[in-house]
ModelCIF file with pLDDT and N, C-alpha, C, O atoms, coordinates in Angstrom:
data_MODEL
#
_entry.id   MODEL 
#
_entity.id                         1 
_entity.type                       polymer 
_entity.pdbx_number_of_molecules   1 
#
_entity_poly.entity_id                      1 
_entity_poly.type                           'polypeptide(L)' 
_entity_poly.nstd_linkage                   no 
_entity_poly.nstd_monomer                   no 
_entity_poly.pdbx_seq_one_letter_code       
;(UNK)(UNK)(UNK)(UNK)(UNK)(UNK)(UNK)(UNK)(UNK)(UNK)(UNK)(UNK)(UNK)(UNK)(UNK)(UNK)
(UNK)(UNK)(UNK)(UNK)(UNK)(UNK)(UNK)(UNK)(UNK)(UNK)(UNK)(UNK)(UNK)(UNK)(UNK)(UNK)
(UNK)(UNK)(UNK)(UNK)(UNK)(UNK)(UNK)
;
_entity_poly.pdbx_seq_one_letter_code_can   XXXXXXXXXXXXXXXXXXXXXXXXXXXXXXXXXXXXXXX 
_entity_poly.pdbx_strand_id                 A 
#
loop_
_entity_poly_seq.entity_id 
_entity_poly_seq.num 
_entity_poly_seq.mon_id 
_entity_poly_seq.hetero 
1 1  UNK n 
1 2  UNK n 
1 3  UNK n 
1 4  UNK n 
1 5  UNK n 
1 6  UNK n 
1 7  UNK n 
1 8  UNK n 
1 9  UNK n 
1 10 UNK n 
1 11 UNK n 
1 12 UNK n 
1 13 UNK n 
1 14 UNK n 
1 15 UNK n 
1 16 UNK n 
1 17 UNK n 
1 18 UNK n 
1 19 UNK n 
1 20 UNK n 
1 21 UNK n 
1 22 UNK n 
1 23 UNK n 
1 24 UNK n 
1 25 UNK n 
1 26 UNK n 
1 27 UNK n 
1 28 UNK n 
1 29 UNK n 
1 30 UNK n 
1 31 UNK n 
1 32 UNK n 
1 33 UNK n 
1 34 UNK n 
1 35 UNK n 
1 36 UNK n 
1 37 UNK n 
1 38 UNK n 
1 39 UNK n 
#
_struct_asym.id          A 
_struct_asym.entity_id   1 
#
loop_
_ma_qa_metric.id 
_ma_qa_metric.mode 
_ma_qa_metric.name 
_ma_qa_metric.software_group_id 
_ma_qa_metric.type 
1 global pLDDT . pLDDT 
2 local  pLDDT . pLDDT 
#
_ma_qa_metric_global.metric_id      1 
_ma_qa_metric_global.metric_value   86.44 
_ma_qa_metric_global.model_id       1 
_ma_qa_metric_global.ordinal_id     1 
#
loop_
_ma_qa_metric_local.label_asym_id 
_ma_qa_metric_local.label_comp_id 
_ma_qa_metric_local.label_seq_id 
_ma_qa_metric_local.metric_id 
_ma_qa_metric_local.metric_value 
_ma_qa_metric_local.model_id 
_ma_qa_metric_local.ordinal_id 
A UNK 1  2 93.00 1 1  
A UNK 2  2 91.00 1 2  
A UNK 3  2 91.00 1 3  
A UNK 4  2 90.00 1 4  
A UNK 5  2 90.00 1 5  
A UNK 6  2 88.00 1 6  
A UNK 7  2 88.00 1 7  
A UNK 8  2 90.00 1 8  
A UNK 9  2 93.00 1 9  
A UNK 10 2 94.00 1 10 
A UNK 11 2 94.00 1 11 
A UNK 12 2 93.00 1 12 
A UNK 13 2 91.00 1 13 
A UNK 14 2 87.00 1 14 
A UNK 15 2 84.00 1 15 
A UNK 16 2 87.00 1 16 
A UNK 17 2 87.00 1 17 
A UNK 18 2 83.00 1 18 
A UNK 19 2 83.00 1 19 
A UNK 20 2 82.00 1 20 
A UNK 21 2 80.00 1 21 
A UNK 22 2 80.00 1 22 
A UNK 23 2 84.00 1 23 
A UNK 24 2 85.00 1 24 
A UNK 25 2 82.00 1 25 
A UNK 26 2 82.00 1 26 
A UNK 27 2 87.00 1 27 
A UNK 28 2 84.00 1 28 
A UNK 29 2 82.00 1 29 
A UNK 30 2 86.00 1 30 
A UNK 31 2 87.00 1 31 
A UNK 32 2 84.00 1 32 
A UNK 33 2 84.00 1 33 
A UNK 34 2 86.00 1 34 
A UNK 35 2 85.00 1 35 
A UNK 36 2 83.00 1 36 
A UNK 37 2 84.00 1 37 
A UNK 38 2 85.00 1 38 
A UNK 39 2 82.00 1 39 
#
loop_
_atom_site.group_PDB 
_atom_site.id 
_atom_site.type_symbol 
_atom_site.label_atom_id 
_atom_site.label_alt_id 
_atom_site.label_comp_id 
_atom_site.label_asym_id 
_atom_site.label_entity_id 
_atom_site.label_seq_id 
_atom_site.pdbx_PDB_ins_code 
_atom_site.Cartn_x 
_atom_site.Cartn_y 
_atom_site.Cartn_z 
_atom_site.occupancy 
_atom_site.B_iso_or_equiv 
_atom_site.pdbx_formal_charge 
_atom_site.auth_seq_id 
_atom_site.auth_comp_id 
_atom_site.auth_asym_id 
_atom_site.auth_atom_id 
_atom_site.pdbx_PDB_model_num 
ATOM 1   N N  . UNK A 1 1  ? -1.799 -4.678  33.792 1.00 93.00 ? 1  UNK A N  1 
ATOM 2   C CA . UNK A 1 1  ? -1.719 -6.059  33.191 1.00 93.00 ? 1  UNK A CA 1 
ATOM 3   C C  . UNK A 1 1  ? -0.375 -6.564  33.356 1.00 93.00 ? 1  UNK A C  1 
ATOM 4   O O  . UNK A 1 1  ? -0.182 -7.764  33.547 1.00 93.00 ? 1  UNK A O  1 
ATOM 5   N N  . UNK A 1 2  ? 0.594  -5.702  33.291 1.00 91.00 ? 2  UNK A N  1 
ATOM 6   C CA . UNK A 1 2  ? 2.003  -6.189  33.542 1.00 91.00 ? 2  UNK A CA 1 
ATOM 7   C C  . UNK A 1 2  ? 2.138  -6.641  34.980 1.00 91.00 ? 2  UNK A C  1 
ATOM 8   O O  . UNK A 1 2  ? 2.803  -7.645  35.236 1.00 91.00 ? 2  UNK A O  1 
ATOM 9   N N  . UNK A 1 3  ? 1.576  -5.991  35.866 1.00 91.00 ? 3  UNK A N  1 
ATOM 10  C CA . UNK A 1 3  ? 1.530  -6.494  37.280 1.00 91.00 ? 3  UNK A CA 1 
ATOM 11  C C  . UNK A 1 3  ? 1.037  -7.735  37.587 1.00 91.00 ? 3  UNK A C  1 
ATOM 12  O O  . UNK A 1 3  ? 1.568  -8.565  38.325 1.00 91.00 ? 3  UNK A O  1 
ATOM 13  N N  . UNK A 1 4  ? -0.185 -7.847  36.888 1.00 90.00 ? 4  UNK A N  1 
ATOM 14  C CA . UNK A 1 4  ? -1.046 -9.121  37.071 1.00 90.00 ? 4  UNK A CA 1 
ATOM 15  C C  . UNK A 1 4  ? -0.496 -10.200 36.392 1.00 90.00 ? 4  UNK A C  1 
ATOM 16  O O  . UNK A 1 4  ? -0.441 -11.259 37.017 1.00 90.00 ? 4  UNK A O  1 
ATOM 17  N N  . UNK A 1 5  ? -0.045 -10.168 35.165 1.00 90.00 ? 5  UNK A N  1 
ATOM 18  C CA . UNK A 1 5  ? 0.422  -11.182 34.361 1.00 90.00 ? 5  UNK A CA 1 
ATOM 19  C C  . UNK A 1 5  ? 1.895  -11.623 34.710 1.00 90.00 ? 5  UNK A C  1 
ATOM 20  O O  . UNK A 1 5  ? 2.238  -12.805 34.687 1.00 90.00 ? 5  UNK A O  1 
ATOM 21  N N  . UNK A 1 6  ? 2.705  -10.625 35.023 1.00 88.00 ? 6  UNK A N  1 
ATOM 22  C CA . UNK A 1 6  ? 4.084  -11.120 35.401 1.00 88.00 ? 6  UNK A CA 1 
ATOM 23  C C  . UNK A 1 6  ? 5.067  -11.148 34.253 1.00 88.00 ? 6  UNK A C  1 
ATOM 24  O O  . UNK A 1 6  ? 4.671  -10.737 33.162 1.00 88.00 ? 6  UNK A O  1 
ATOM 25  N N  . UNK A 1 7  ? 6.218  -11.557 34.371 1.00 88.00 ? 7  UNK A N  1 
ATOM 26  C CA . UNK A 1 7  ? 7.306  -11.417 33.369 1.00 88.00 ? 7  UNK A CA 1 
ATOM 27  C C  . UNK A 1 7  ? 7.198  -12.402 32.342 1.00 88.00 ? 7  UNK A C  1 
ATOM 28  O O  . UNK A 1 7  ? 7.933  -12.357 31.355 1.00 88.00 ? 7  UNK A O  1 
ATOM 29  N N  . UNK A 1 8  ? 6.183  -13.446 32.529 1.00 90.00 ? 8  UNK A N  1 
ATOM 30  C CA . UNK A 1 8  ? 6.078  -14.551 31.347 1.00 90.00 ? 8  UNK A CA 1 
ATOM 31  C C  . UNK A 1 8  ? 5.410  -13.819 30.001 1.00 90.00 ? 8  UNK A C  1 
ATOM 32  O O  . UNK A 1 8  ? 5.472  -14.343 28.888 1.00 90.00 ? 8  UNK A O  1 
ATOM 33  N N  . UNK A 1 9  ? 4.751  -12.517 30.260 1.00 93.00 ? 9  UNK A N  1 
ATOM 34  C CA . UNK A 1 9  ? 4.065  -12.034 29.187 1.00 93.00 ? 9  UNK A CA 1 
ATOM 35  C C  . UNK A 1 9  ? 4.470  -10.692 28.846 1.00 93.00 ? 9  UNK A C  1 
ATOM 36  O O  . UNK A 1 9  ? 4.958  -9.995  29.735 1.00 93.00 ? 9  UNK A O  1 
ATOM 37  N N  . UNK A 1 10 ? 4.327  -10.216 27.629 1.00 94.00 ? 10 UNK A N  1 
ATOM 38  C CA . UNK A 1 10 ? 4.621  -8.928  27.115 1.00 94.00 ? 10 UNK A CA 1 
ATOM 39  C C  . UNK A 1 10 ? 3.104  -8.258  26.846 1.00 94.00 ? 10 UNK A C  1 
ATOM 40  O O  . UNK A 1 10 ? 2.186  -8.845  26.273 1.00 94.00 ? 10 UNK A O  1 
ATOM 41  N N  . UNK A 1 11 ? 3.057  -7.051  27.327 1.00 94.00 ? 11 UNK A N  1 
ATOM 42  C CA . UNK A 1 11 ? 1.771  -6.135  27.133 1.00 94.00 ? 11 UNK A CA 1 
ATOM 43  C C  . UNK A 1 11 ? 2.280  -4.998  26.310 1.00 94.00 ? 11 UNK A C  1 
ATOM 44  O O  . UNK A 1 11 ? 2.975  -4.160  26.884 1.00 94.00 ? 11 UNK A O  1 
ATOM 45  N N  . UNK A 1 12 ? 2.016  -4.860  25.008 1.00 93.00 ? 12 UNK A N  1 
ATOM 46  C CA . UNK A 1 12 ? 2.593  -3.838  24.159 1.00 93.00 ? 12 UNK A CA 1 
ATOM 47  C C  . UNK A 1 12 ? 1.432  -2.943  23.585 1.00 93.00 ? 12 UNK A C  1 
ATOM 48  O O  . UNK A 1 12 ? 0.378  -3.491  23.260 1.00 93.00 ? 12 UNK A O  1 
ATOM 49  N N  . UNK A 1 13 ? 1.591  -1.585  23.450 1.00 91.00 ? 13 UNK A N  1 
ATOM 50  C CA . UNK A 1 13 ? 0.717  -0.728  22.654 1.00 91.00 ? 13 UNK A CA 1 
ATOM 51  C C  . UNK A 1 13 ? 1.100  -0.770  21.166 1.00 91.00 ? 13 UNK A C  1 
ATOM 52  O O  . UNK A 1 13 ? 1.969  -1.516  20.715 1.00 91.00 ? 13 UNK A O  1 
ATOM 53  N N  . UNK A 1 14 ? 0.355  0.121   20.427 1.00 87.00 ? 14 UNK A N  1 
ATOM 54  C CA . UNK A 1 14 ? 0.699  0.118   18.921 1.00 87.00 ? 14 UNK A CA 1 
ATOM 55  C C  . UNK A 1 14 ? 2.202  0.415   18.656 1.00 87.00 ? 14 UNK A C  1 
ATOM 56  O O  . UNK A 1 14 ? 2.856  -0.268  17.868 1.00 87.00 ? 14 UNK A O  1 
ATOM 57  N N  . UNK A 1 15 ? 2.712  1.442   19.334 1.00 84.00 ? 15 UNK A N  1 
ATOM 58  C CA . UNK A 1 15 ? 3.953  1.927   19.104 1.00 84.00 ? 15 UNK A CA 1 
ATOM 59  C C  . UNK A 1 15 ? 5.006  0.722   19.374 1.00 84.00 ? 15 UNK A C  1 
ATOM 60  O O  . UNK A 1 15 ? 5.963  0.514   18.627 1.00 84.00 ? 15 UNK A O  1 
ATOM 61  N N  . UNK A 1 16 ? 4.734  -0.002  20.465 1.00 87.00 ? 16 UNK A N  1 
ATOM 62  C CA . UNK A 1 16 ? 5.647  -0.942  20.793 1.00 87.00 ? 16 UNK A CA 1 
ATOM 63  C C  . UNK A 1 16 ? 5.564  -2.187  19.810 1.00 87.00 ? 16 UNK A C  1 
ATOM 64  O O  . UNK A 1 16 ? 6.532  -2.891  19.524 1.00 87.00 ? 16 UNK A O  1 
ATOM 65  N N  . UNK A 1 17 ? 4.302  -2.354  19.344 1.00 87.00 ? 17 UNK A N  1 
ATOM 66  C CA . UNK A 1 17 ? 4.229  -3.495  18.479 1.00 87.00 ? 17 UNK A CA 1 
ATOM 67  C C  . UNK A 1 17 ? 4.924  -3.265  17.100 1.00 87.00 ? 17 UNK A C  1 
ATOM 68  O O  . UNK A 1 17 ? 5.253  -4.184  16.350 1.00 87.00 ? 17 UNK A O  1 
ATOM 69  N N  . UNK A 1 18 ? 5.107  -1.973  16.857 1.00 83.00 ? 18 UNK A N  1 
ATOM 70  C CA . UNK A 1 18 ? 5.778  -1.601  15.462 1.00 83.00 ? 18 UNK A CA 1 
ATOM 71  C C  . UNK A 1 18 ? 7.102  -0.700  15.957 1.00 83.00 ? 18 UNK A C  1 
ATOM 72  O O  . UNK A 1 18 ? 7.402  0.409   15.514 1.00 83.00 ? 18 UNK A O  1 
ATOM 73  N N  . UNK A 1 19 ? 7.816  -1.456  16.988 1.00 83.00 ? 19 UNK A N  1 
ATOM 74  C CA . UNK A 1 19 ? 8.871  -0.553  17.669 1.00 83.00 ? 19 UNK A CA 1 
ATOM 75  C C  . UNK A 1 19 ? 9.976  -0.138  16.631 1.00 83.00 ? 19 UNK A C  1 
ATOM 76  O O  . UNK A 1 19 ? 10.369 1.026   16.560 1.00 83.00 ? 19 UNK A O  1 
ATOM 77  N N  . UNK A 1 20 ? 10.440 -1.106  15.860 1.00 82.00 ? 20 UNK A N  1 
ATOM 78  C CA . UNK A 1 20 ? 11.536 -0.880  14.844 1.00 82.00 ? 20 UNK A CA 1 
ATOM 79  C C  . UNK A 1 20 ? 11.044 0.206   13.822 1.00 82.00 ? 20 UNK A C  1 
ATOM 80  O O  . UNK A 1 20 ? 11.801 1.093   13.426 1.00 82.00 ? 20 UNK A O  1 
ATOM 81  N N  . UNK A 1 21 ? 9.879  0.103   13.458 1.00 80.00 ? 21 UNK A N  1 
ATOM 82  C CA . UNK A 1 21 ? 9.354  1.075   12.404 1.00 80.00 ? 21 UNK A CA 1 
ATOM 83  C C  . UNK A 1 21 ? 9.277  2.478   12.987 1.00 80.00 ? 21 UNK A C  1 
ATOM 84  O O  . UNK A 1 21 ? 9.770  3.388   12.321 1.00 80.00 ? 21 UNK A O  1 
ATOM 85  N N  . UNK A 1 22 ? 8.723  2.746   14.135 1.00 80.00 ? 22 UNK A N  1 
ATOM 86  C CA . UNK A 1 22 ? 8.645  3.966   14.714 1.00 80.00 ? 22 UNK A CA 1 
ATOM 87  C C  . UNK A 1 22 ? 9.933  4.458   15.125 1.00 80.00 ? 22 UNK A C  1 
ATOM 88  O O  . UNK A 1 22 ? 10.148 5.668   15.063 1.00 80.00 ? 22 UNK A O  1 
ATOM 89  N N  . UNK A 1 23 ? 10.888 3.597   15.573 1.00 84.00 ? 23 UNK A N  1 
ATOM 90  C CA . UNK A 1 23 ? 12.220 4.105   15.928 1.00 84.00 ? 23 UNK A CA 1 
ATOM 91  C C  . UNK A 1 23 ? 12.956 4.860   14.607 1.00 84.00 ? 23 UNK A C  1 
ATOM 92  O O  . UNK A 1 23 ? 13.461 5.980   14.680 1.00 84.00 ? 23 UNK A O  1 
ATOM 93  N N  . UNK A 1 24 ? 12.925 4.164   13.583 1.00 85.00 ? 24 UNK A N  1 
ATOM 94  C CA . UNK A 1 24 ? 13.473 4.635   12.237 1.00 85.00 ? 24 UNK A CA 1 
ATOM 95  C C  . UNK A 1 24 ? 12.811 5.922   11.975 1.00 85.00 ? 24 UNK A C  1 
ATOM 96  O O  . UNK A 1 24 ? 13.542 6.812   11.541 1.00 85.00 ? 24 UNK A O  1 
ATOM 97  N N  . UNK A 1 25 ? 11.504 6.205   12.165 1.00 82.00 ? 25 UNK A N  1 
ATOM 98  C CA . UNK A 1 25 ? 10.797 7.489   11.965 1.00 82.00 ? 25 UNK A CA 1 
ATOM 99  C C  . UNK A 1 25 ? 11.459 8.395   12.780 1.00 82.00 ? 25 UNK A C  1 
ATOM 100 O O  . UNK A 1 25 ? 11.939 9.420   12.297 1.00 82.00 ? 25 UNK A O  1 
ATOM 101 N N  . UNK A 1 26 ? 11.549 8.103   14.097 1.00 82.00 ? 26 UNK A N  1 
ATOM 102 C CA . UNK A 1 26 ? 12.102 9.087   15.077 1.00 82.00 ? 26 UNK A CA 1 
ATOM 103 C C  . UNK A 1 26 ? 13.616 9.502   14.752 1.00 82.00 ? 26 UNK A C  1 
ATOM 104 O O  . UNK A 1 26 ? 14.038 10.643  14.940 1.00 82.00 ? 26 UNK A O  1 
ATOM 105 N N  . UNK A 1 27 ? 14.307 8.553   14.294 1.00 87.00 ? 27 UNK A N  1 
ATOM 106 C CA . UNK A 1 27 ? 15.628 8.757   13.940 1.00 87.00 ? 27 UNK A CA 1 
ATOM 107 C C  . UNK A 1 27 ? 15.699 9.713   12.816 1.00 87.00 ? 27 UNK A C  1 
ATOM 108 O O  . UNK A 1 27 ? 16.480 10.657  12.935 1.00 87.00 ? 27 UNK A O  1 
ATOM 109 N N  . UNK A 1 28 ? 14.932 9.591   11.649 1.00 84.00 ? 28 UNK A N  1 
ATOM 110 C CA . UNK A 1 28 ? 14.857 10.375  10.590 1.00 84.00 ? 28 UNK A CA 1 
ATOM 111 C C  . UNK A 1 28 ? 14.477 11.799  10.928 1.00 84.00 ? 28 UNK A C  1 
ATOM 112 O O  . UNK A 1 28 ? 15.047 12.776  10.442 1.00 84.00 ? 28 UNK A O  1 
ATOM 113 N N  . UNK A 1 29 ? 13.426 11.858  11.838 1.00 82.00 ? 29 UNK A N  1 
ATOM 114 C CA . UNK A 1 29 ? 12.805 13.006  12.288 1.00 82.00 ? 29 UNK A CA 1 
ATOM 115 C C  . UNK A 1 29 ? 13.877 13.902  13.043 1.00 82.00 ? 29 UNK A C  1 
ATOM 116 O O  . UNK A 1 29 ? 13.920 15.116  12.848 1.00 82.00 ? 29 UNK A O  1 
ATOM 117 N N  . UNK A 1 30 ? 14.733 13.257  13.908 1.00 86.00 ? 30 UNK A N  1 
ATOM 118 C CA . UNK A 1 30 ? 15.726 13.935  14.555 1.00 86.00 ? 30 UNK A CA 1 
ATOM 119 C C  . UNK A 1 30 ? 16.866 14.439  13.631 1.00 86.00 ? 30 UNK A C  1 
ATOM 120 O O  . UNK A 1 30 ? 17.362 15.557  13.767 1.00 86.00 ? 30 UNK A O  1 
ATOM 121 N N  . UNK A 1 31 ? 17.234 13.592  12.729 1.00 87.00 ? 31 UNK A N  1 
ATOM 122 C CA . UNK A 1 31 ? 18.348 13.970  11.666 1.00 87.00 ? 31 UNK A CA 1 
ATOM 123 C C  . UNK A 1 31 ? 17.886 15.230  10.951 1.00 87.00 ? 31 UNK A C  1 
ATOM 124 O O  . UNK A 1 31 ? 18.653 16.189  10.865 1.00 87.00 ? 31 UNK A O  1 
ATOM 125 N N  . UNK A 1 32 ? 16.561 15.268  10.391 1.00 84.00 ? 32 UNK A N  1 
ATOM 126 C CA . UNK A 1 32 ? 16.120 16.399  9.703  1.00 84.00 ? 32 UNK A CA 1 
ATOM 127 C C  . UNK A 1 32 ? 15.977 17.683  10.555 1.00 84.00 ? 32 UNK A C  1 
ATOM 128 O O  . UNK A 1 32 ? 16.133 18.834  10.146 1.00 84.00 ? 32 UNK A O  1 
ATOM 129 N N  . UNK A 1 33 ? 15.656 17.297  11.798 1.00 84.00 ? 33 UNK A N  1 
ATOM 130 C CA . UNK A 1 33 ? 15.462 18.507  12.795 1.00 84.00 ? 33 UNK A CA 1 
ATOM 131 C C  . UNK A 1 33 ? 17.020 19.120  12.933 1.00 84.00 ? 33 UNK A C  1 
ATOM 132 O O  . UNK A 1 33 ? 17.208 20.332  12.819 1.00 84.00 ? 33 UNK A O  1 
ATOM 133 N N  . UNK A 1 34 ? 18.017 18.274  13.164 1.00 86.00 ? 34 UNK A N  1 
ATOM 134 C CA . UNK A 1 34 ? 19.279 18.781  13.492 1.00 86.00 ? 34 UNK A CA 1 
ATOM 135 C C  . UNK A 1 34 ? 19.788 19.531  12.246 1.00 86.00 ? 34 UNK A C  1 
ATOM 136 O O  . UNK A 1 34 ? 20.483 20.541  12.357 1.00 86.00 ? 34 UNK A O  1 
ATOM 137 N N  . UNK A 1 35 ? 19.395 18.971  10.959 1.00 85.00 ? 35 UNK A N  1 
ATOM 138 C CA . UNK A 1 35 ? 20.075 19.654  9.746  1.00 85.00 ? 35 UNK A CA 1 
ATOM 139 C C  . UNK A 1 35 ? 19.316 20.953  9.635  1.00 85.00 ? 35 UNK A C  1 
ATOM 140 O O  . UNK A 1 35 ? 19.976 21.904  9.217  1.00 85.00 ? 35 UNK A O  1 
ATOM 141 N N  . UNK A 1 36 ? 18.074 21.162  9.927  1.00 83.00 ? 36 UNK A N  1 
ATOM 142 C CA . UNK A 1 36 ? 17.446 22.350  9.773  1.00 83.00 ? 36 UNK A CA 1 
ATOM 143 C C  . UNK A 1 36 ? 17.911 23.375  10.967 1.00 83.00 ? 36 UNK A C  1 
ATOM 144 O O  . UNK A 1 36 ? 17.895 24.593  10.785 1.00 83.00 ? 36 UNK A O  1 
ATOM 145 N N  . UNK A 1 37 ? 18.298 22.821  12.116 1.00 84.00 ? 37 UNK A N  1 
ATOM 146 C CA . UNK A 1 37 ? 18.749 23.669  13.122 1.00 84.00 ? 37 UNK A CA 1 
ATOM 147 C C  . UNK A 1 37 ? 20.078 24.377  12.675 1.00 84.00 ? 37 UNK A C  1 
ATOM 148 O O  . UNK A 1 37 ? 20.332 25.547  12.961 1.00 84.00 ? 37 UNK A O  1 
ATOM 149 N N  . UNK A 1 38 ? 20.914 23.544  11.934 1.00 85.00 ? 38 UNK A N  1 
ATOM 150 C CA . UNK A 1 38 ? 22.228 24.219  11.310 1.00 85.00 ? 38 UNK A CA 1 
ATOM 151 C C  . UNK A 1 38 ? 21.829 25.355  10.496 1.00 85.00 ? 38 UNK A C  1 
ATOM 152 O O  . UNK A 1 38 ? 22.444 26.421  10.544 1.00 85.00 ? 38 UNK A O  1 
ATOM 153 N N  . UNK A 1 39 ? 20.636 25.128  9.614  1.00 82.00 ? 39 UNK A N  1 
ATOM 154 C CA . UNK A 1 39 ? 20.270 26.271  8.806  1.00 82.00 ? 39 UNK A CA 1 
ATOM 155 C C  . UNK A 1 39 ? 19.802 27.494  9.590  1.00 82.00 ? 39 UNK A C  1 
ATOM 156 O O  . UNK A 1 39 ? 19.468 28.519  8.995  1.00 82.00 ? 39 UNK A O  1 
#
């Protein structure tokens, strides 16, 4: 779809539609993972 529609359009999946939300979750997950690695 990106190839056919060109740069005038965005084609996003669910994660990309809620990009900020999932980015926060990934950051929280990474922080907790690092803290537990210290343990």
